[in-house]
PDB file of N, CA and C in Angstrom:
ATOM      1  N   UNK A   1     -16.424 -19.240 -22.922  1.00  0.00           N
ATOM      2  CA  UNK A   1     -15.996 -19.056 -21.554  1.00  0.00           C
ATOM      3  C   UNK A   1     -14.531 -19.469 -21.429  1.00  0.00           C
ATOM      4  N   UNK A   2     -13.775 -18.663 -20.706  1.00  0.00           N
ATOM      5  CA  UNK A   2     -12.378 -18.987 -20.423  1.00  0.00           C
ATOM      6  C   UNK A   2     -12.299 -20.247 -19.583  1.00  0.00           C
ATOM      7  N   UNK A   3     -11.242 -21.000 -19.772  1.00  0.00           N
ATOM      8  CA  UNK A   3     -10.953 -22.150 -18.926  1.00  0.00           C
ATOM      9  C   UNK A   3      -9.564 -21.935 -18.331  1.00  0.00           C
ATOM     10  N   UNK A   4      -9.480 -22.009 -17.015  1.00  0.00           N
ATOM     11  CA  UNK A   4      -8.189 -21.894 -16.345  1.00  0.00           C
ATOM     12  C   UNK A   4      -7.893 -23.205 -15.637  1.00  0.00           C
ATOM     13  N   UNK A   5      -6.868 -23.883 -16.114  1.00  0.00           N
ATOM     14  CA  UNK A   5      -6.417 -25.129 -15.504  1.00  0.00           C
ATOM     15  C   UNK A   5      -5.421 -24.745 -14.411  1.00  0.00           C
ATOM     16  N   UNK A   6      -5.653 -25.235 -13.195  1.00  0.00           N
ATOM     17  CA  UNK A   6      -4.873 -24.792 -12.048  1.00  0.00           C
ATOM     18  C   UNK A   6      -4.975 -25.790 -10.912  1.00  0.00           C
ATOM     19  N   UNK A   7      -4.203 -25.541  -9.864  1.00  0.00           N
ATOM     20  CA  UNK A   7      -4.433 -26.221  -8.587  1.00  0.00           C
ATOM     21  C   UNK A   7      -4.146 -25.230  -7.476  1.00  0.00           C
ATOM     22  N   UNK A   8      -4.807 -25.407  -6.353  1.00  0.00           N
ATOM     23  CA  UNK A   8      -4.864 -24.370  -5.319  1.00  0.00           C
ATOM     24  C   UNK A   8      -3.534 -24.035  -4.675  1.00  0.00           C
ATOM     25  N   UNK A   9      -2.610 -24.951  -4.592  1.00  0.00           N
ATOM     26  CA  UNK A   9      -1.335 -24.648  -3.929  1.00  0.00           C
ATOM     27  C   UNK A   9      -0.303 -24.021  -4.872  1.00  0.00           C
ATOM     28  N   UNK A  10      -0.670 -23.783  -6.100  1.00  0.00           N
ATOM     29  CA  UNK A  10       0.240 -23.177  -7.081  1.00  0.00           C
ATOM     30  C   UNK A  10       0.209 -21.649  -6.942  1.00  0.00           C
ATOM     31  N   UNK A  11       1.335 -21.027  -6.534  1.00  0.00           N
ATOM     32  CA  UNK A  11       1.338 -19.571  -6.353  1.00  0.00           C
ATOM     33  C   UNK A  11       1.118 -18.806  -7.656  1.00  0.00           C
ATOM     34  N   UNK A  12       1.553 -19.362  -8.772  1.00  0.00           N
ATOM     35  CA  UNK A  12       1.363 -18.692 -10.057  1.00  0.00           C
ATOM     36  C   UNK A  12      -0.104 -18.725 -10.469  1.00  0.00           C
ATOM     37  N   UNK A  13      -0.778 -19.813 -10.129  1.00  0.00           N
ATOM     38  CA  UNK A  13      -2.219 -19.910 -10.386  1.00  0.00           C
ATOM     39  C   UNK A  13      -2.966 -18.880  -9.533  1.00  0.00           C
ATOM     40  N   UNK A  14      -2.550 -18.733  -8.284  1.00  0.00           N
ATOM     41  CA  UNK A  14      -3.197 -17.766  -7.397  1.00  0.00           C
ATOM     42  C   UNK A  14      -3.019 -16.343  -7.917  1.00  0.00           C
ATOM     43  N   UNK A  15      -1.877 -16.073  -8.491  1.00  0.00           N
ATOM     44  CA  UNK A  15      -1.602 -14.763  -9.085  1.00  0.00           C
ATOM     45  C   UNK A  15      -2.603 -14.470 -10.210  1.00  0.00           C
ATOM     46  N   UNK A  16      -2.851 -15.452 -11.064  1.00  0.00           N
ATOM     47  CA  UNK A  16      -3.819 -15.293 -12.158  1.00  0.00           C
ATOM     48  C   UNK A  16      -5.229 -15.133 -11.589  1.00  0.00           C
ATOM     49  N   UNK A  17      -5.563 -15.909 -10.574  1.00  0.00           N
ATOM     50  CA  UNK A  17      -6.894 -15.809  -9.964  1.00  0.00           C
ATOM     51  C   UNK A  17      -7.119 -14.426  -9.352  1.00  0.00           C
ATOM     52  N   UNK A  18      -6.100 -13.854  -8.749  1.00  0.00           N
ATOM     53  CA  UNK A  18      -6.225 -12.499  -8.192  1.00  0.00           C
ATOM     54  C   UNK A  18      -6.498 -11.491  -9.309  1.00  0.00           C
ATOM     55  N   UNK A  19      -5.867 -11.684 -10.451  1.00  0.00           N
ATOM     56  CA  UNK A  19      -6.103 -10.785 -11.580  1.00  0.00           C
ATOM     57  C   UNK A  19      -7.523 -10.937 -12.107  1.00  0.00           C
ATOM     58  N   UNK A  20      -7.990 -12.169 -12.239  1.00  0.00           N
ATOM     59  CA  UNK A  20      -9.374 -12.381 -12.680  1.00  0.00           C
ATOM     60  C   UNK A  20     -10.342 -11.668 -11.741  1.00  0.00           C
ATOM     61  N   UNK A  21     -10.093 -11.782 -10.447  1.00  0.00           N
ATOM     62  CA  UNK A  21     -10.943 -11.130  -9.455  1.00  0.00           C
ATOM     63  C   UNK A  21     -10.870  -9.610  -9.588  1.00  0.00           C
ATOM     64  N   UNK A  22      -9.664  -9.076  -9.753  1.00  0.00           N
ATOM     65  CA  UNK A  22      -9.504  -7.621  -9.858  1.00  0.00           C
ATOM     66  C   UNK A  22     -10.163  -7.061 -11.119  1.00  0.00           C
ATOM     67  N   UNK A  23     -10.306  -7.889 -12.134  1.00  0.00           N
ATOM     68  CA  UNK A  23     -10.985  -7.472 -13.371  1.00  0.00           C
ATOM     69  C   UNK A  23     -12.499  -7.636 -13.272  1.00  0.00           C
ATOM     70  N   UNK A  24     -12.964  -8.152 -12.143  1.00  0.00           N
ATOM     71  CA  UNK A  24     -14.398  -8.313 -11.937  1.00  0.00           C
ATOM     72  C   UNK A  24     -14.988  -9.542 -12.595  1.00  0.00           C
ATOM     73  N   UNK A  25     -14.138 -10.461 -13.014  1.00  0.00           N
ATOM     74  CA  UNK A  25     -14.615 -11.683 -13.666  1.00  0.00           C
ATOM     75  C   UNK A  25     -15.013 -12.699 -12.603  1.00  0.00           C
ATOM     76  N   UNK A  26     -16.073 -13.431 -12.879  1.00  0.00           N
ATOM     77  CA  UNK A  26     -16.646 -14.357 -11.898  1.00  0.00           C
ATOM     78  C   UNK A  26     -16.535 -15.801 -12.377  1.00  0.00           C
ATOM     79  N   UNK A  27     -16.094 -16.665 -11.451  1.00  0.00           N
ATOM     80  CA  UNK A  27     -16.025 -18.094 -11.742  1.00  0.00           C
ATOM     81  C   UNK A  27     -17.437 -18.607 -11.994  1.00  0.00           C
ATOM     82  N   UNK A  28     -17.582 -19.444 -13.000  1.00  0.00           N
ATOM     83  CA  UNK A  28     -18.876 -19.998 -13.353  1.00  0.00           C
ATOM     84  C   UNK A  28     -19.660 -19.136 -14.319  1.00  0.00           C
ATOM     85  N   UNK A  29     -19.351 -17.858 -14.361  1.00  0.00           N
ATOM     86  CA  UNK A  29     -20.022 -16.940 -15.288  1.00  0.00           C
ATOM     87  C   UNK A  29     -19.089 -16.548 -16.434  1.00  0.00           C
ATOM     88  N   UNK A  30     -17.877 -16.101 -16.063  1.00  0.00           N
ATOM     89  CA  UNK A  30     -16.920 -15.619 -17.056  1.00  0.00           C
ATOM     90  C   UNK A  30     -15.804 -16.618 -17.347  1.00  0.00           C
ATOM     91  N   UNK A  31     -15.518 -17.446 -16.358  1.00  0.00           N
ATOM     92  CA  UNK A  31     -14.454 -18.435 -16.543  1.00  0.00           C
ATOM     93  C   UNK A  31     -14.758 -19.678 -15.728  1.00  0.00           C
ATOM     94  N   UNK A  32     -14.119 -20.750 -16.145  1.00  0.00           N
ATOM     95  CA  UNK A  32     -14.261 -22.042 -15.470  1.00  0.00           C
ATOM     96  C   UNK A  32     -12.906 -22.429 -14.898  1.00  0.00           C
ATOM     97  N   UNK A  33     -12.897 -22.845 -13.640  1.00  0.00           N
ATOM     98  CA  UNK A  33     -11.682 -23.374 -13.018  1.00  0.00           C
ATOM     99  C   UNK A  33     -11.668 -24.879 -13.172  1.00  0.00           C
ATOM    100  N   UNK A  34     -10.549 -25.407 -13.633  1.00  0.00           N
ATOM    101  CA  UNK A  34     -10.424 -26.842 -13.831  1.00  0.00           C
ATOM    102  C   UNK A  34      -9.221 -27.337 -13.036  1.00  0.00           C
ATOM    103  N   UNK A  35      -9.479 -28.275 -12.156  1.00  0.00           N
ATOM    104  CA  UNK A  35      -8.425 -28.869 -11.332  1.00  0.00           C
ATOM    105  C   UNK A  35      -7.428 -29.602 -12.232  1.00  0.00           C
ATOM    106  N   UNK A  36      -6.154 -29.261 -12.073  1.00  0.00           N
ATOM    107  CA  UNK A  36      -5.127 -29.857 -12.929  1.00  0.00           C
ATOM    108  C   UNK A  36      -3.916 -30.310 -12.130  1.00  0.00           C
ATOM    109  N   UNK A  37      -4.143 -30.761 -10.902  1.00  0.00           N
ATOM    110  CA  UNK A  37      -3.030 -31.321 -10.143  1.00  0.00           C
ATOM    111  C   UNK A  37      -2.646 -32.671 -10.744  1.00  0.00           C
ATOM    112  N   UNK A  38      -1.486 -33.164 -10.367  1.00  0.00           N
ATOM    113  CA  UNK A  38      -0.988 -34.431 -10.933  1.00  0.00           C
ATOM    114  C   UNK A  38      -2.009 -35.543 -10.742  1.00  0.00           C
ATOM    115  N   UNK A  39      -2.195 -36.326 -11.793  1.00  0.00           N
ATOM    116  CA  UNK A  39      -3.083 -37.472 -11.724  1.00  0.00           C
ATOM    117  C   UNK A  39      -4.546 -37.165 -11.992  1.00  0.00           C
ATOM    118  N   UNK A  40      -4.879 -35.911 -12.314  1.00  0.00           N
ATOM    119  CA  UNK A  40      -6.272 -35.556 -12.594  1.00  0.00           C
ATOM    120  C   UNK A  40      -6.532 -35.523 -14.102  1.00  0.00           C
ATOM    121  N   UNK A  41      -7.782 -35.676 -14.503  1.00  0.00           N
ATOM    122  CA  UNK A  41      -8.111 -35.531 -15.924  1.00  0.00           C
ATOM    123  C   UNK A  41      -7.730 -34.150 -16.466  1.00  0.00           C
ATOM    124  N   UNK A  42      -7.811 -33.133 -15.614  1.00  0.00           N
ATOM    125  CA  UNK A  42      -7.431 -31.788 -16.048  1.00  0.00           C
ATOM    126  C   UNK A  42      -5.978 -31.699 -16.456  1.00  0.00           C
ATOM    127  N   UNK A  43      -5.104 -32.372 -15.725  1.00  0.00           N
ATOM    128  CA  UNK A  43      -3.681 -32.365 -16.070  1.00  0.00           C
ATOM    129  C   UNK A  43      -3.465 -33.034 -17.422  1.00  0.00           C
ATOM    130  N   UNK A  44      -4.178 -34.126 -17.668  1.00  0.00           N
ATOM    131  CA  UNK A  44      -4.078 -34.805 -18.971  1.00  0.00           C
ATOM    132  C   UNK A  44      -4.528 -33.884 -20.095  1.00  0.00           C
ATOM    133  N   UNK A  45      -5.571 -33.109 -19.859  1.00  0.00           N
ATOM    134  CA  UNK A  45      -6.053 -32.162 -20.867  1.00  0.00           C
ATOM    135  C   UNK A  45      -5.016 -31.094 -21.143  1.00  0.00           C
ATOM    136  N   UNK A  46      -4.377 -30.582 -20.089  1.00  0.00           N
ATOM    137  CA  UNK A  46      -3.320 -29.578 -20.255  1.00  0.00           C
ATOM    138  C   UNK A  46      -2.219 -30.120 -21.165  1.00  0.00           C
ATOM    139  N   UNK A  47      -1.799 -31.337 -20.904  1.00  0.00           N
ATOM    140  CA  UNK A  47      -0.737 -31.952 -21.711  1.00  0.00           C
ATOM    141  C   UNK A  47      -1.207 -32.142 -23.149  1.00  0.00           C
ATOM    142  N   UNK A  48      -2.428 -32.630 -23.325  1.00  0.00           N
ATOM    143  CA  UNK A  48      -2.951 -32.870 -24.676  1.00  0.00           C
ATOM    144  C   UNK A  48      -3.119 -31.583 -25.475  1.00  0.00           C
ATOM    145  N   UNK A  49      -3.571 -30.524 -24.819  1.00  0.00           N
ATOM    146  CA  UNK A  49      -3.817 -29.264 -25.532  1.00  0.00           C
ATOM    147  C   UNK A  49      -2.562 -28.433 -25.730  1.00  0.00           C
ATOM    148  N   UNK A  50      -1.654 -28.456 -24.740  1.00  0.00           N
ATOM    149  CA  UNK A  50      -0.506 -27.563 -24.791  1.00  0.00           C
ATOM    150  C   UNK A  50       0.839 -28.223 -24.926  1.00  0.00           C
ATOM    151  N   UNK A  51       0.905 -29.518 -24.650  1.00  0.00           N
ATOM    152  CA  UNK A  51       2.161 -30.227 -24.814  1.00  0.00           C
ATOM    153  C   UNK A  51       3.046 -30.273 -23.572  1.00  0.00           C
ATOM    154  N   UNK A  52       2.680 -29.534 -22.520  1.00  0.00           N
ATOM    155  CA  UNK A  52       3.456 -29.549 -21.278  1.00  0.00           C
ATOM    156  C   UNK A  52       2.492 -29.761 -20.113  1.00  0.00           C
ATOM    157  N   UNK A  53       3.028 -30.162 -18.969  1.00  0.00           N
ATOM    158  CA  UNK A  53       2.176 -30.401 -17.801  1.00  0.00           C
ATOM    159  C   UNK A  53       2.209 -29.221 -16.834  1.00  0.00           C
ATOM    160  N   UNK A  54       2.421 -28.053 -17.348  1.00  0.00           N
ATOM    161  CA  UNK A  54       2.584 -26.846 -16.539  1.00  0.00           C
ATOM    162  C   UNK A  54       1.244 -26.151 -16.310  1.00  0.00           C
ATOM    163  N   UNK A  55       1.085 -25.576 -15.117  1.00  0.00           N
ATOM    164  CA  UNK A  55      -0.047 -24.713 -14.818  1.00  0.00           C
ATOM    165  C   UNK A  55       0.486 -23.415 -14.232  1.00  0.00           C
ATOM    166  N   UNK A  56      -0.249 -22.319 -14.338  1.00  0.00           N
ATOM    167  CA  UNK A  56      -1.573 -22.211 -14.916  1.00  0.00           C
ATOM    168  C   UNK A  56      -1.533 -22.377 -16.432  1.00  0.00           C
ATOM    169  N   UNK A  57      -2.673 -22.796 -16.955  1.00  0.00           N
ATOM    170  CA  UNK A  57      -2.849 -22.957 -18.392  1.00  0.00           C
ATOM    171  C   UNK A  57      -4.211 -22.384 -18.739  1.00  0.00           C
ATOM    172  N   UNK A  58      -4.228 -21.391 -19.614  1.00  0.00           N
ATOM    173  CA  UNK A  58      -5.463 -20.713 -19.996  1.00  0.00           C
ATOM    174  C   UNK A  58      -5.880 -21.140 -21.389  1.00  0.00           C
ATOM    175  N   UNK A  59      -7.167 -21.420 -21.541  1.00  0.00           N
ATOM    176  CA  UNK A  59      -7.744 -21.695 -22.856  1.00  0.00           C
ATOM    177  C   UNK A  59      -8.873 -20.697 -23.071  1.00  0.00           C
ATOM    178  N   UNK A  60      -8.785 -19.955 -24.163  1.00  0.00           N
ATOM    179  CA  UNK A  60      -9.826 -19.017 -24.569  1.00  0.00           C
ATOM    180  C   UNK A  60     -10.052 -19.219 -26.056  1.00  0.00           C
ATOM    181  N   UNK A  61     -10.976 -20.110 -26.389  1.00  0.00           N
ATOM    182  CA  UNK A  61     -11.182 -20.462 -27.788  1.00  0.00           C
ATOM    183  C   UNK A  61      -9.937 -21.121 -28.352  1.00  0.00           C
ATOM    184  N   UNK A  62      -9.392 -20.522 -29.406  1.00  0.00           N
ATOM    185  CA  UNK A  62      -8.189 -21.088 -30.019  1.00  0.00           C
ATOM    186  C   UNK A  62      -6.906 -20.594 -29.339  1.00  0.00           C
ATOM    187  N   UNK A  63      -7.026 -19.672 -28.402  1.00  0.00           N
ATOM    188  CA  UNK A  63      -5.864 -19.163 -27.660  1.00  0.00           C
ATOM    189  C   UNK A  63      -5.574 -20.085 -26.487  1.00  0.00           C
ATOM    190  N   UNK A  64      -4.331 -20.535 -26.420  1.00  0.00           N
ATOM    191  CA  UNK A  64      -3.884 -21.411 -25.336  1.00  0.00           C
ATOM    192  C   UNK A  64      -2.547 -20.889 -24.845  1.00  0.00           C
ATOM    193  N   UNK A  65      -2.417 -20.712 -23.533  1.00  0.00           N
ATOM    194  CA  UNK A  65      -1.139 -20.190 -23.043  1.00  0.00           C
ATOM    195  C   UNK A  65      -0.811 -20.647 -21.635  1.00  0.00           C
ATOM    196  N   UNK A  66       0.492 -20.769 -21.412  1.00  0.00           N
ATOM    197  CA  UNK A  66       1.084 -21.005 -20.107  1.00  0.00           C
ATOM    198  C   UNK A  66       1.666 -19.676 -19.632  1.00  0.00           C
ATOM    199  N   UNK A  67       2.347 -19.693 -18.518  1.00  0.00           N
ATOM    200  CA  UNK A  67       3.065 -18.547 -17.946  1.00  0.00           C
ATOM    201  C   UNK A  67       2.095 -17.509 -17.388  1.00  0.00           C
ATOM    202  N   UNK A  68       2.111 -17.396 -16.084  1.00  0.00           N
ATOM    203  CA  UNK A  68       1.168 -16.509 -15.395  1.00  0.00           C
ATOM    204  C   UNK A  68       1.262 -15.062 -15.885  1.00  0.00           C
ATOM    205  N   UNK A  69       2.452 -14.541 -16.100  1.00  0.00           N
ATOM    206  CA  UNK A  69       2.577 -13.150 -16.548  1.00  0.00           C
ATOM    207  C   UNK A  69       1.984 -12.956 -17.940  1.00  0.00           C
ATOM    208  N   UNK A  70       2.171 -13.922 -18.826  1.00  0.00           N
ATOM    209  CA  UNK A  70       1.574 -13.839 -20.168  1.00  0.00           C
ATOM    210  C   UNK A  70       0.053 -13.906 -20.081  1.00  0.00           C
ATOM    211  N   UNK A  71      -0.452 -14.784 -19.226  1.00  0.00           N
ATOM    212  CA  UNK A  71      -1.898 -14.901 -19.042  1.00  0.00           C
ATOM    213  C   UNK A  71      -2.464 -13.596 -18.498  1.00  0.00           C
ATOM    214  N   UNK A  72      -1.802 -13.015 -17.502  1.00  0.00           N
ATOM    215  CA  UNK A  72      -2.262 -11.758 -16.907  1.00  0.00           C
ATOM    216  C   UNK A  72      -2.266 -10.640 -17.944  1.00  0.00           C
ATOM    217  N   UNK A  73      -1.218 -10.526 -18.730  1.00  0.00           N
ATOM    218  CA  UNK A  73      -1.190  -9.504 -19.793  1.00  0.00           C
ATOM    219  C   UNK A  73      -2.345  -9.698 -20.762  1.00  0.00           C
ATOM    220  N   UNK A  74      -2.589 -10.934 -21.156  1.00  0.00           N
ATOM    221  CA  UNK A  74      -3.686 -11.251 -22.078  1.00  0.00           C
ATOM    222  C   UNK A  74      -5.031 -10.844 -21.471  1.00  0.00           C
ATOM    223  N   UNK A  75      -5.251 -11.212 -20.220  1.00  0.00           N
ATOM    224  CA  UNK A  75      -6.524 -10.883 -19.555  1.00  0.00           C
ATOM    225  C   UNK A  75      -6.721  -9.388 -19.433  1.00  0.00           C
ATOM    226  N   UNK A  76      -5.670  -8.665 -19.086  1.00  0.00           N
ATOM    227  CA  UNK A  76      -5.782  -7.209 -18.960  1.00  0.00           C
ATOM    228  C   UNK A  76      -6.079  -6.560 -20.298  1.00  0.00           C
ATOM    229  N   UNK A  77      -5.452  -7.033 -21.351  1.00  0.00           N
ATOM    230  CA  UNK A  77      -5.729  -6.477 -22.693  1.00  0.00           C
ATOM    231  C   UNK A  77      -7.172  -6.775 -23.100  1.00  0.00           C
ATOM    232  N   UNK A  78      -7.641  -7.955 -22.801  1.00  0.00           N
ATOM    233  CA  UNK A  78      -8.976  -8.372 -23.240  1.00  0.00           C
ATOM    234  C   UNK A  78     -10.093  -7.738 -22.416  1.00  0.00           C
ATOM    235  N   UNK A  79      -9.895  -7.577 -21.117  1.00  0.00           N
ATOM    236  CA  UNK A  79     -10.993  -7.187 -20.234  1.00  0.00           C
ATOM    237  C   UNK A  79     -10.854  -5.813 -19.582  1.00  0.00           C
ATOM    238  N   UNK A  80      -9.773  -5.096 -19.823  1.00  0.00           N
ATOM    239  CA  UNK A  80      -9.631  -3.755 -19.221  1.00  0.00           C
ATOM    240  C   UNK A  80     -10.235  -2.687 -20.108  1.00  0.00           C
TER     241      UNK A  80
END
């Protein structure tokens, strides 16, 4: 299952969420949303896995990526 580290007020995270929705992917079934605002365990995981405290951050198995446009391209290639 995909993991998307995000927080609700992040416009780039919302952009990725809109793409997940447009691809017909469902939270809890196809992907997991993980809160990653400052001071949360999710933010610590983002830093530990990717080396930066930036969101959105996508984890799909061994694939890990930042940058909303890169994530969107990846999702479209994988699920379109």
